[in-house]
Amino acid sequence: MSILGFEFNDFELNTWKVIGLSGSLIFALRFIIQGIASERAKKSVIPFGFWECSLLGCLLSLSYFAIYRKDSVGVLQNLIPLPIYLRNLYFRYKKKQTPQAAESQPAEEPHTH
């Protein structure tokens, strides 16, 4: 089958492709979340949901490329930013668990989850 000059051979949907596609959709969702949060704040912000979607999308895509495709390019493109996602989530969870930090900080912008 040819669509817009691109050739598609036997489109097959299986569990691993659903996992990979889910990872891609969650990555796209993180930018929608970030865009909505920035519009509400009237400035560029990165909400907590952005990092959660980044981690989940990364793990789904990483498992797809590592286990199903055995594709080193896909593994590397998902593995390299993984520590950044984990570190940002660590900072946010740590901040929420510190009562003193909550008292000294101004109220945060609303989170979109």
PDB file of N, CA and C in Angstrom:
ATOM      1  N   MET A   1       0.844  -1.163   0.000  1.00  0.00           N
ATOM      2  CA  MET A   1       0.000   0.000   0.000  1.00  0.00           C
ATOM      3  C   MET A   1       0.896   1.234   0.000  1.00  0.00           C
ATOM      4  N   SER A   2       0.523   2.247  -0.779  1.00  0.00           N
ATOM      5  CA  SER A   2       1.293   3.471  -0.865  1.00  0.00           C
ATOM      6  C   SER A   2       0.418   4.648  -0.439  1.00  0.00           C
ATOM      7  N   ILE A   3       0.922   5.454   0.509  1.00  0.00           N
ATOM      8  CA  ILE A   3       0.211   6.645   0.971  1.00  0.00           C
ATOM      9  C   ILE A   3       1.180   7.814   0.888  1.00  0.00           C
ATOM     10  N   LEU A   4       0.813   8.844   0.124  1.00  0.00           N
ATOM     11  CA  LEU A   4       1.638  10.040  -0.044  1.00  0.00           C
ATOM     12  C   LEU A   4       3.072   9.704  -0.440  1.00  0.00           C
ATOM     13  N   GLY A   5       3.233   8.705  -1.265  1.00  0.00           N
ATOM     14  CA  GLY A   5       4.551   8.317  -1.741  1.00  0.00           C
ATOM     15  C   GLY A   5       5.335   7.408  -0.808  1.00  0.00           C
ATOM     16  N   PHE A   6       4.769   7.106   0.350  1.00  0.00           N
ATOM     17  CA  PHE A   6       5.427   6.184   1.287  1.00  0.00           C
ATOM     18  C   PHE A   6       4.820   4.806   1.116  1.00  0.00           C
ATOM     19  N   GLU A   7       5.674   3.821   1.072  1.00  0.00           N
ATOM     20  CA  GLU A   7       5.237   2.441   0.895  1.00  0.00           C
ATOM     21  C   GLU A   7       5.067   1.762   2.242  1.00  0.00           C
ATOM     22  N   PHE A   8       3.906   1.212   2.488  1.00  0.00           N
ATOM     23  CA  PHE A   8       3.622   0.488   3.722  1.00  0.00           C
ATOM     24  C   PHE A   8       3.365  -0.968   3.374  1.00  0.00           C
ATOM     25  N   ASN A   9       4.133  -1.844   3.983  1.00  0.00           N
ATOM     26  CA  ASN A   9       3.988  -3.268   3.728  1.00  0.00           C
ATOM     27  C   ASN A   9       3.273  -3.931   4.894  1.00  0.00           C
ATOM     28  N   ASP A  10       2.245  -4.660   4.601  1.00  0.00           N
ATOM     29  CA  ASP A  10       1.552  -5.492   5.580  1.00  0.00           C
ATOM     30  C   ASP A  10       1.560  -4.906   6.998  1.00  0.00           C
ATOM     31  N   PHE A  11       0.722  -3.928   7.227  1.00  0.00           N
ATOM     32  CA  PHE A  11       0.626  -3.342   8.564  1.00  0.00           C
ATOM     33  C   PHE A  11       0.093  -4.392   9.518  1.00  0.00           C
ATOM     34  N   GLU A  12       0.910  -4.736  10.487  1.00  0.00           N
ATOM     35  CA  GLU A  12       0.552  -5.753  11.458  1.00  0.00           C
ATOM     36  C   GLU A  12       0.549  -5.115  12.833  1.00  0.00           C
ATOM     37  N   LEU A  13      -0.533  -5.280  13.555  1.00  0.00           N
ATOM     38  CA  LEU A  13      -0.635  -4.737  14.904  1.00  0.00           C
ATOM     39  C   LEU A  13      -0.537  -5.888  15.887  1.00  0.00           C
ATOM     40  N   ASN A  14       0.462  -5.812  16.757  1.00  0.00           N
ATOM     41  CA  ASN A  14       0.618  -6.839  17.785  1.00  0.00           C
ATOM     42  C   ASN A  14       0.844  -6.133  19.126  1.00  0.00           C
ATOM     43  N   THR A  15       0.989  -6.885  20.173  1.00  0.00           N
ATOM     44  CA  THR A  15       1.135  -6.317  21.517  1.00  0.00           C
ATOM     45  C   THR A  15       2.330  -5.383  21.603  1.00  0.00           C
ATOM     46  N   TRP A  16       3.453  -5.769  21.043  1.00  0.00           N
ATOM     47  CA  TRP A  16       4.643  -4.925  21.114  1.00  0.00           C
ATOM     48  C   TRP A  16       4.483  -3.631  20.348  1.00  0.00           C
ATOM     49  N   LYS A  17       3.793  -3.685  19.221  1.00  0.00           N
ATOM     50  CA  LYS A  17       3.557  -2.445  18.475  1.00  0.00           C
ATOM     51  C   LYS A  17       2.612  -1.528  19.243  1.00  0.00           C
ATOM     52  N   VAL A  18       1.640  -2.097  19.934  1.00  0.00           N
ATOM     53  CA  VAL A  18       0.752  -1.286  20.777  1.00  0.00           C
ATOM     54  C   VAL A  18       1.563  -0.626  21.892  1.00  0.00           C
ATOM     55  N   ILE A  19       2.499  -1.351  22.475  1.00  0.00           N
ATOM     56  CA  ILE A  19       3.370  -0.781  23.510  1.00  0.00           C
ATOM     57  C   ILE A  19       4.209   0.356  22.930  1.00  0.00           C
ATOM     58  N   GLY A  20       4.817   0.134  21.787  1.00  0.00           N
ATOM     59  CA  GLY A  20       5.626   1.171  21.143  1.00  0.00           C
ATOM     60  C   GLY A  20       4.807   2.384  20.746  1.00  0.00           C
ATOM     61  N   LEU A  21       3.643   2.159  20.164  1.00  0.00           N
ATOM     62  CA  LEU A  21       2.772   3.272  19.786  1.00  0.00           C
ATOM     63  C   LEU A  21       2.270   4.024  21.010  1.00  0.00           C
ATOM     64  N   SER A  22       1.996   3.307  22.081  1.00  0.00           N
ATOM     65  CA  SER A  22       1.566   3.955  23.330  1.00  0.00           C
ATOM     66  C   SER A  22       2.668   4.868  23.854  1.00  0.00           C
ATOM     67  N   GLY A  23       3.902   4.404  23.802  1.00  0.00           N
ATOM     68  CA  GLY A  23       5.027   5.247  24.210  1.00  0.00           C
ATOM     69  C   GLY A  23       5.097   6.519  23.385  1.00  0.00           C
ATOM     70  N   SER A  24       4.909   6.405  22.078  1.00  0.00           N
ATOM     71  CA  SER A  24       4.931   7.582  21.200  1.00  0.00           C
ATOM     72  C   SER A  24       3.786   8.541  21.514  1.00  0.00           C
ATOM     73  N   LEU A  25       2.610   7.999  21.750  1.00  0.00           N
ATOM     74  CA  LEU A  25       1.458   8.848  22.075  1.00  0.00           C
ATOM     75  C   LEU A  25       1.638   9.562  23.406  1.00  0.00           C
ATOM     76  N   ILE A  26       2.218   8.876  24.378  1.00  0.00           N
ATOM     77  CA  ILE A  26       2.457   9.499  25.684  1.00  0.00           C
ATOM     78  C   ILE A  26       3.513  10.595  25.554  1.00  0.00           C
ATOM     79  N   PHE A  27       4.526  10.388  24.720  1.00  0.00           N
ATOM     80  CA  PHE A  27       5.496  11.447  24.469  1.00  0.00           C
ATOM     81  C   PHE A  27       4.805  12.671  23.860  1.00  0.00           C
ATOM     82  N   ALA A  28       3.897  12.461  22.926  1.00  0.00           N
ATOM     83  CA  ALA A  28       3.166  13.585  22.332  1.00  0.00           C
ATOM     84  C   ALA A  28       2.288  14.270  23.376  1.00  0.00           C
ATOM     85  N   LEU A  29       1.672  13.491  24.248  1.00  0.00           N
ATOM     86  CA  LEU A  29       0.799  14.036  25.283  1.00  0.00           C
ATOM     87  C   LEU A  29       1.557  14.966  26.220  1.00  0.00           C
ATOM     88  N   ARG A  30       2.826  14.680  26.479  1.00  0.00           N
ATOM     89  CA  ARG A  30       3.580  15.529  27.405  1.00  0.00           C
ATOM     90  C   ARG A  30       3.707  16.951  26.882  1.00  0.00           C
ATOM     91  N   PHE A  31       3.794  17.119  25.570  1.00  0.00           N
ATOM     92  CA  PHE A  31       3.887  18.471  25.019  1.00  0.00           C
ATOM     93  C   PHE A  31       2.538  19.186  25.046  1.00  0.00           C
ATOM     94  N   ILE A  32       1.478  18.444  24.936  1.00  0.00           N
ATOM     95  CA  ILE A  32       0.141  19.039  25.084  1.00  0.00           C
ATOM     96  C   ILE A  32      -0.032  19.519  26.523  1.00  0.00           C
ATOM     97  N   ILE A  33       0.359  18.693  27.487  1.00  0.00           N
ATOM     98  CA  ILE A  33       0.292  19.069  28.909  1.00  0.00           C
ATOM     99  C   ILE A  33       1.142  20.309  29.161  1.00  0.00           C
ATOM    100  N   GLN A  34       2.337  20.326  28.621  1.00  0.00           N
ATOM    101  CA  GLN A  34       3.223  21.472  28.820  1.00  0.00           C
ATOM    102  C   GLN A  34       2.652  22.727  28.172  1.00  0.00           C
ATOM    103  N   GLY A  35       2.088  22.587  26.997  1.00  0.00           N
ATOM    104  CA  GLY A  35       1.488  23.734  26.312  1.00  0.00           C
ATOM    105  C   GLY A  35       0.317  24.316  27.080  1.00  0.00           C
ATOM    106  N   ILE A  36      -0.545  23.473  27.598  1.00  0.00           N
ATOM    107  CA  ILE A  36      -1.699  23.928  28.378  1.00  0.00           C
ATOM    108  C   ILE A  36      -1.231  24.631  29.652  1.00  0.00           C
ATOM    109  N   ALA A  37      -0.264  24.041  30.346  1.00  0.00           N
ATOM    110  CA  ALA A  37       0.252  24.653  31.581  1.00  0.00           C
ATOM    111  C   ALA A  37       0.887  26.010  31.302  1.00  0.00           C
ATOM    112  N   SER A  38       1.620  26.127  30.211  1.00  0.00           N
ATOM    113  CA  SER A  38       2.245  27.398  29.861  1.00  0.00           C
ATOM    114  C   SER A  38       1.199  28.449  29.494  1.00  0.00           C
ATOM    115  N   GLU A  39       0.170  28.033  28.780  1.00  0.00           N
ATOM    116  CA  GLU A  39      -0.906  28.977  28.448  1.00  0.00           C
ATOM    117  C   GLU A  39      -1.590  29.486  29.706  1.00  0.00           C
ATOM    118  N   ARG A  40      -1.854  28.597  30.649  1.00  0.00           N
ATOM    119  CA  ARG A  40      -2.499  29.004  31.903  1.00  0.00           C
ATOM    120  C   ARG A  40      -1.616  29.949  32.711  1.00  0.00           C
ATOM    121  N   ALA A  41      -0.313  29.669  32.737  1.00  0.00           N
ATOM    122  CA  ALA A  41       0.619  30.484  33.519  1.00  0.00           C
ATOM    123  C   ALA A  41       1.049  31.747  32.765  1.00  0.00           C
ATOM    124  N   LYS A  42       0.751  31.805  31.486  1.00  0.00           N
ATOM    125  CA  LYS A  42       1.172  32.915  30.616  1.00  0.00           C
ATOM    126  C   LYS A  42       2.693  33.061  30.580  1.00  0.00           C
ATOM    127  N   LYS A  43       3.382  31.942  30.767  1.00  0.00           N
ATOM    128  CA  LYS A  43       4.833  31.870  30.643  1.00  0.00           C
ATOM    129  C   LYS A  43       5.198  30.406  30.423  1.00  0.00           C
ATOM    130  N   SER A  44       6.431  30.180  30.010  1.00  0.00           N
ATOM    131  CA  SER A  44       6.869  28.814  29.753  1.00  0.00           C
ATOM    132  C   SER A  44       7.126  28.091  31.079  1.00  0.00           C
ATOM    133  N   VAL A  45       6.392  27.013  31.308  1.00  0.00           N
ATOM    134  CA  VAL A  45       6.563  26.198  32.510  1.00  0.00           C
ATOM    135  C   VAL A  45       6.614  24.729  32.105  1.00  0.00           C
ATOM    136  N   ILE A  46       7.223  23.934  32.959  1.00  0.00           N
ATOM    137  CA  ILE A  46       7.249  22.491  32.743  1.00  0.00           C
ATOM    138  C   ILE A  46       6.552  21.852  33.938  1.00  0.00           C
ATOM    139  N   PRO A  47       5.316  21.429  33.751  1.00  0.00           N
ATOM    140  CA  PRO A  47       4.557  20.855  34.865  1.00  0.00           C
ATOM    141  C   PRO A  47       5.025  19.437  35.202  1.00  0.00           C
ATOM    142  N   PHE A  48       4.638  19.008  36.378  1.00  0.00           N
ATOM    143  CA  PHE A  48       4.987  17.682  36.875  1.00  0.00           C
ATOM    144  C   PHE A  48       4.565  16.592  35.882  1.00  0.00           C
ATOM    145  N   GLY A  49       3.379  16.710  35.293  1.00  0.00           N
ATOM    146  CA  GLY A  49       2.885  15.718  34.342  1.00  0.00           C
ATOM    147  C   GLY A  49       3.791  15.529  33.143  1.00  0.00           C
ATOM    148  N   PHE A  50       4.530  16.579  32.775  1.00  0.00           N
ATOM    149  CA  PHE A  50       5.476  16.476  31.666  1.00  0.00           C
ATOM    150  C   PHE A  50       6.523  15.404  31.970  1.00  0.00           C
ATOM    151  N   TRP A  51       7.057  15.432  33.198  1.00  0.00           N
ATOM    152  CA  TRP A  51       8.100  14.477  33.570  1.00  0.00           C
ATOM    153  C   TRP A  51       7.530  13.079  33.742  1.00  0.00           C
ATOM    154  N   GLU A  52       6.316  12.980  34.248  1.00  0.00           N
ATOM    155  CA  GLU A  52       5.678  11.660  34.371  1.00  0.00           C
ATOM    156  C   GLU A  52       5.442  11.044  33.002  1.00  0.00           C
ATOM    157  N   CYS A  53       4.929  11.838  32.067  1.00  0.00           N
ATOM    158  CA  CYS A  53       4.713  11.332  30.701  1.00  0.00           C
ATOM    159  C   CYS A  53       6.042  11.006  30.031  1.00  0.00           C
ATOM    160  N   SER A  54       7.067  11.806  30.295  1.00  0.00           N
ATOM    161  CA  SER A  54       8.393  11.537  29.723  1.00  0.00           C
ATOM    162  C   SER A  54       8.902  10.180  30.184  1.00  0.00           C
ATOM    163  N   LEU A  55       8.791   9.910  31.481  1.00  0.00           N
ATOM    164  CA  LEU A  55       9.280   8.639  32.015  1.00  0.00           C
ATOM    165  C   LEU A  55       8.473   7.462  31.470  1.00  0.00           C
ATOM    166  N   LEU A  56       7.161   7.563  31.522  1.00  0.00           N
ATOM    167  CA  LEU A  56       6.320   6.452  31.054  1.00  0.00           C
ATOM    168  C   LEU A  56       6.507   6.213  29.560  1.00  0.00           C
ATOM    169  N   GLY A  57       6.506   7.276  28.767  1.00  0.00           N
ATOM    170  CA  GLY A  57       6.723   7.135  27.325  1.00  0.00           C
ATOM    171  C   GLY A  57       8.083   6.542  27.024  1.00  0.00           C
ATOM    172  N   CYS A  58       9.082   6.973  27.772  1.00  0.00           N
ATOM    173  CA  CYS A  58      10.443   6.460  27.598  1.00  0.00           C
ATOM    174  C   CYS A  58      10.509   4.969  27.911  1.00  0.00           C
ATOM    175  N   LEU A  59       9.927   4.560  29.019  1.00  0.00           N
ATOM    176  CA  LEU A  59       9.977   3.144  29.404  1.00  0.00           C
ATOM    177  C   LEU A  59       9.234   2.260  28.414  1.00  0.00           C
ATOM    178  N   LEU A  60       8.088   2.725  27.927  1.00  0.00           N
ATOM    179  CA  LEU A  60       7.348   1.942  26.929  1.00  0.00           C
ATOM    180  C   LEU A  60       8.131   1.842  25.627  1.00  0.00           C
ATOM    181  N   SER A  61       8.650   2.968  25.162  1.00  0.00           N
ATOM    182  CA  SER A  61       9.433   2.960  23.919  1.00  0.00           C
ATOM    183  C   SER A  61      10.716   2.161  24.074  1.00  0.00           C
ATOM    184  N   LEU A  62      11.359   2.301  25.213  1.00  0.00           N
ATOM    185  CA  LEU A  62      12.585   1.555  25.465  1.00  0.00           C
ATOM    186  C   LEU A  62      12.331   0.050  25.441  1.00  0.00           C
ATOM    187  N   SER A  63      11.249  -0.382  26.072  1.00  0.00           N
ATOM    188  CA  SER A  63      10.949  -1.819  26.066  1.00  0.00           C
ATOM    189  C   SER A  63      10.635  -2.298  24.645  1.00  0.00           C
ATOM    190  N   TYR A  64       9.924  -1.484  23.869  1.00  0.00           N
ATOM    191  CA  TYR A  64       9.617  -1.842  22.481  1.00  0.00           C
ATOM    192  C   TYR A  64      10.907  -2.021  21.673  1.00  0.00           C
ATOM    193  N   PHE A  65      11.804  -1.028  21.759  1.00  0.00           N
ATOM    194  CA  PHE A  65      13.035  -1.091  20.968  1.00  0.00           C
ATOM    195  C   PHE A  65      14.019  -2.135  21.495  1.00  0.00           C
ATOM    196  N   ALA A  66      14.076  -2.334  22.794  1.00  0.00           N
ATOM    197  CA  ALA A  66      15.053  -3.266  23.363  1.00  0.00           C
ATOM    198  C   ALA A  66      14.607  -4.713  23.239  1.00  0.00           C
ATOM    199  N   ILE A  67      13.339  -4.976  23.503  1.00  0.00           N
ATOM    200  CA  ILE A  67      12.865  -6.367  23.552  1.00  0.00           C
ATOM    201  C   ILE A  67      12.324  -6.841  22.207  1.00  0.00           C
ATOM    202  N   TYR A  68      11.465  -6.031  21.591  1.00  0.00           N
ATOM    203  CA  TYR A  68      10.813  -6.476  20.357  1.00  0.00           C
ATOM    204  C   TYR A  68      11.671  -6.212  19.119  1.00  0.00           C
ATOM    205  N   ARG A  69      12.126  -4.974  18.971  1.00  0.00           N
ATOM    206  CA  ARG A  69      12.858  -4.614  17.752  1.00  0.00           C
ATOM    207  C   ARG A  69      14.352  -4.953  17.811  1.00  0.00           C
ATOM    208  N   LYS A  70      14.890  -4.999  19.040  1.00  0.00           N
ATOM    209  CA  LYS A  70      16.335  -5.188  19.213  1.00  0.00           C
ATOM    210  C   LYS A  70      17.096  -4.165  18.361  1.00  0.00           C
ATOM    211  N   ASP A  71      16.689  -2.911  18.527  1.00  0.00           N
ATOM    212  CA  ASP A  71      17.188  -1.794  17.722  1.00  0.00           C
ATOM    213  C   ASP A  71      18.034  -0.874  18.608  1.00  0.00           C
ATOM    214  N   SER A  72      19.352  -0.876  18.380  1.00  0.00           N
ATOM    215  CA  SER A  72      20.255  -0.093  19.226  1.00  0.00           C
ATOM    216  C   SER A  72      20.007   1.408  19.116  1.00  0.00           C
ATOM    217  N   VAL A  73      19.591   1.902  17.968  1.00  0.00           N
ATOM    218  CA  VAL A  73      19.313   3.328  17.821  1.00  0.00           C
ATOM    219  C   VAL A  73      18.127   3.721  18.703  1.00  0.00           C
ATOM    220  N   GLY A  74      17.062   2.953  18.649  1.00  0.00           N
ATOM    221  CA  GLY A  74      15.895   3.230  19.478  1.00  0.00           C
ATOM    222  C   GLY A  74      16.195   3.095  20.958  1.00  0.00           C
ATOM    223  N   VAL A  75      17.015   2.112  21.311  1.00  0.00           N
ATOM    224  CA  VAL A  75      17.398   1.935  22.716  1.00  0.00           C
ATOM    225  C   VAL A  75      18.178   3.157  23.193  1.00  0.00           C
ATOM    226  N   LEU A  76      19.181   3.583  22.425  1.00  0.00           N
ATOM    227  CA  LEU A  76      19.994   4.731  22.827  1.00  0.00           C
ATOM    228  C   LEU A  76      19.182   6.022  22.905  1.00  0.00           C
ATOM    229  N   GLN A  77      18.285   6.240  21.948  1.00  0.00           N
ATOM    230  CA  GLN A  77      17.523   7.492  21.971  1.00  0.00           C
ATOM    231  C   GLN A  77      16.569   7.552  23.154  1.00  0.00           C
ATOM    232  N   ASN A  78      16.222   6.427  23.726  1.00  0.00           N
ATOM    233  CA  ASN A  78      15.366   6.405  24.913  1.00  0.00           C
ATOM    234  C   ASN A  78      16.162   6.272  26.202  1.00  0.00           C
ATOM    235  N   LEU A  79      17.306   5.637  26.131  1.00  0.00           N
ATOM    236  CA  LEU A  79      18.123   5.406  27.321  1.00  0.00           C
ATOM    237  C   LEU A  79      18.863   6.668  27.769  1.00  0.00           C
ATOM    238  N   ILE A  80      19.344   7.452  26.828  1.00  0.00           N
ATOM    239  CA  ILE A  80      20.151   8.631  27.158  1.00  0.00           C
ATOM    240  C   ILE A  80      19.373   9.654  28.006  1.00  0.00           C
ATOM    241  N   PRO A  81      18.135  10.031  27.670  1.00  0.00           N
ATOM    242  CA  PRO A  81      17.441  11.019  28.508  1.00  0.00           C
ATOM    243  C   PRO A  81      16.798  10.436  29.769  1.00  0.00           C
ATOM    244  N   LEU A  82      16.780   9.121  29.919  1.00  0.00           N
ATOM    245  CA  LEU A  82      16.118   8.488  31.069  1.00  0.00           C
ATOM    246  C   LEU A  82      16.606   9.032  32.416  1.00  0.00           C
ATOM    247  N   PRO A  83      17.922   9.189  32.643  1.00  0.00           N
ATOM    248  CA  PRO A  83      18.357   9.740  33.939  1.00  0.00           C
ATOM    249  C   PRO A  83      17.822  11.149  34.212  1.00  0.00           C
ATOM    250  N   ILE A  84      17.644  11.944  33.167  1.00  0.00           N
ATOM    251  CA  ILE A  84      17.105  13.308  33.338  1.00  0.00           C
ATOM    252  C   ILE A  84      15.665  13.234  33.817  1.00  0.00           C
ATOM    253  N   TYR A  85      14.869  12.364  33.223  1.00  0.00           N
ATOM    254  CA  TYR A  85      13.477  12.210  33.647  1.00  0.00           C
ATOM    255  C   TYR A  85      13.405  11.744  35.094  1.00  0.00           C
ATOM    256  N   LEU A  86      14.225  10.754  35.421  1.00  0.00           N
ATOM    257  CA  LEU A  86      14.240  10.218  36.789  1.00  0.00           C
ATOM    258  C   LEU A  86      14.691  11.278  37.793  1.00  0.00           C
ATOM    259  N   ARG A  87      15.698  12.039  37.461  1.00  0.00           N
ATOM    260  CA  ARG A  87      16.212  13.066  38.370  1.00  0.00           C
ATOM    261  C   ARG A  87      15.175  14.167  38.603  1.00  0.00           C
ATOM    262  N   ASN A  88      14.503  14.604  37.571  1.00  0.00           N
ATOM    263  CA  ASN A  88      13.482  15.637  37.738  1.00  0.00           C
ATOM    264  C   ASN A  88      12.313  15.126  38.570  1.00  0.00           C
ATOM    265  N   LEU A  89      11.906  13.894  38.365  1.00  0.00           N
ATOM    266  CA  LEU A  89      10.846  13.320  39.202  1.00  0.00           C
ATOM    267  C   LEU A  89      11.314  13.170  40.639  1.00  0.00           C
ATOM    268  N   TYR A  90      12.556  12.787  40.845  1.00  0.00           N
ATOM    269  CA  TYR A  90      13.109  12.682  42.193  1.00  0.00           C
ATOM    270  C   TYR A  90      13.041  14.043  42.896  1.00  0.00           C
ATOM    271  N   PHE A  91      13.470  15.106  42.207  1.00  0.00           N
ATOM    272  CA  PHE A  91      13.412  16.443  42.797  1.00  0.00           C
ATOM    273  C   PHE A  91      11.992  16.823  43.182  1.00  0.00           C
ATOM    274  N   ARG A  92      11.036  16.531  42.311  1.00  0.00           N
ATOM    275  CA  ARG A  92       9.642  16.909  42.595  1.00  0.00           C
ATOM    276  C   ARG A  92       9.060  16.100  43.742  1.00  0.00           C
ATOM    277  N   TYR A  93       9.316  14.787  43.771  1.00  0.00           N
ATOM    278  CA  TYR A  93       8.802  13.958  44.869  1.00  0.00           C
ATOM    279  C   TYR A  93       9.484  14.325  46.192  1.00  0.00           C
ATOM    280  N   LYS A  94      10.778  14.597  46.143  1.00  0.00           N
ATOM    281  CA  LYS A  94      11.511  14.983  47.340  1.00  0.00           C
ATOM    282  C   LYS A  94      10.963  16.297  47.891  1.00  0.00           C
ATOM    283  N   LYS A  95      10.682  17.230  47.017  1.00  0.00           N
ATOM    284  CA  LYS A  95      10.148  18.538  47.422  1.00  0.00           C
ATOM    285  C   LYS A  95       8.789  18.383  48.084  1.00  0.00           C
ATOM    286  N   LYS A  96       7.954  17.499  47.557  1.00  0.00           N
ATOM    287  CA  LYS A  96       6.625  17.284  48.126  1.00  0.00           C
ATOM    288  C   LYS A  96       6.688  16.618  49.494  1.00  0.00           C
ATOM    289  N   GLN A  97       7.739  15.827  49.753  1.00  0.00           N
ATOM    290  CA  GLN A  97       7.841  15.096  51.008  1.00  0.00           C
ATOM    291  C   GLN A  97       8.492  15.912  52.115  1.00  0.00           C
ATOM    292  N   THR A  98       9.092  17.037  51.798  1.00  0.00           N
ATOM    293  CA  THR A  98       9.755  17.862  52.803  1.00  0.00           C
ATOM    294  C   THR A  98       8.775  18.910  53.316  1.00  0.00           C
ATOM    295  N   PRO A  99       8.252  18.771  54.564  1.00  0.00           N
ATOM    296  CA  PRO A  99       7.275  19.724  55.086  1.00  0.00           C
ATOM    297  C   PRO A  99       7.827  21.140  55.164  1.00  0.00           C
ATOM    298  N   GLN A 100       9.095  21.304  55.529  1.00  0.00           N
ATOM    299  CA  GLN A 100       9.690  22.620  55.644  1.00  0.00           C
ATOM    300  C   GLN A 100       9.731  23.321  54.284  1.00  0.00           C
ATOM    301  N   ALA A 101      10.017  22.575  53.229  1.00  0.00           N
ATOM    302  CA  ALA A 101      10.070  23.151  51.890  1.00  0.00           C
ATOM    303  C   ALA A 101       8.697  23.628  51.459  1.00  0.00           C
ATOM    304  N   ALA A 102       7.654  22.893  51.834  1.00  0.00           N
ATOM    305  CA  ALA A 102       6.295  23.279  51.457  1.00  0.00           C
ATOM    306  C   ALA A 102       5.881  24.577  52.147  1.00  0.00           C
ATOM    307  N   GLU A 103       6.331  24.787  53.382  1.00  0.00           N
ATOM    308  CA  GLU A 103       5.971  25.995  54.109  1.00  0.00           C
ATOM    309  C   GLU A 103       6.702  27.222  53.581  1.00  0.00           C
ATOM    310  N   SER A 104       7.938  27.053  53.121  1.00  0.00           N
ATOM    311  CA  SER A 104       8.728  28.198  52.688  1.00  0.00           C
ATOM    312  C   SER A 104       8.529  28.551  51.220  1.00  0.00           C
ATOM    313  N   GLN A 105       7.899  27.683  50.452  1.00  0.00           N
ATOM    314  CA  GLN A 105       7.701  27.906  49.025  1.00  0.00           C
ATOM    315  C   GLN A 105       6.326  28.483  48.755  1.00  0.00           C
ATOM    316  N   PRO A 106       6.209  29.376  47.753  1.00  0.00           N
ATOM    317  CA  PRO A 106       4.876  29.836  47.355  1.00  0.00           C
ATOM    318  C   PRO A 106       4.091  28.691  46.722  1.00  0.00           C
ATOM    319  N   ALA A 107       2.794  28.842  46.678  1.00  0.00           N
ATOM    320  CA  ALA A 107       1.942  27.798  46.094  1.00  0.00           C
ATOM    321  C   ALA A 107       2.351  27.556  44.659  1.00  0.00           C
ATOM    322  N   GLU A 108       2.366  26.296  44.265  1.00  0.00           N
ATOM    323  CA  GLU A 108       2.748  25.929  42.907  1.00  0.00           C
ATOM    324  C   GLU A 108       1.599  26.129  41.951  1.00  0.00           C
ATOM    325  N   GLU A 109       1.953  26.227  40.671  1.00  0.00           N
ATOM    326  CA  GLU A 109       0.928  26.319  39.647  1.00  0.00           C
ATOM    327  C   GLU A 109       0.151  25.002  39.610  1.00  0.00           C
ATOM    328  N   PRO A 110      -1.079  25.038  39.158  1.00  0.00           N
ATOM    329  CA  PRO A 110      -1.869  23.792  39.121  1.00  0.00           C
ATOM    330  C   PRO A 110      -1.209  22.765  38.214  1.00  0.00           C
ATOM    331  N   HIS A 111      -1.236  21.525  38.644  1.00  0.00           N
ATOM    332  CA  HIS A 111      -0.675  20.435  37.845  1.00  0.00           C
ATOM    333  C   HIS A 111      -1.760  19.847  36.971  1.00  0.00           C
ATOM    334  N   THR A 112      -1.353  19.464  35.778  1.00  0.00           N
ATOM    335  CA  THR A 112      -2.284  18.788  34.884  1.00  0.00           C
ATOM    336  C   THR A 112      -1.864  17.346  34.788  1.00  0.00           C
ATOM    337  N   HIS A 113      -2.644  16.470  35.344  1.00  0.00           N
ATOM    338  CA  HIS A 113      -2.340  15.028  35.293  1.00  0.00           C
ATOM    339  C   HIS A 113      -3.399  14.360  34.481  1.00  0.00           C
TER     340      HIS A 113
END
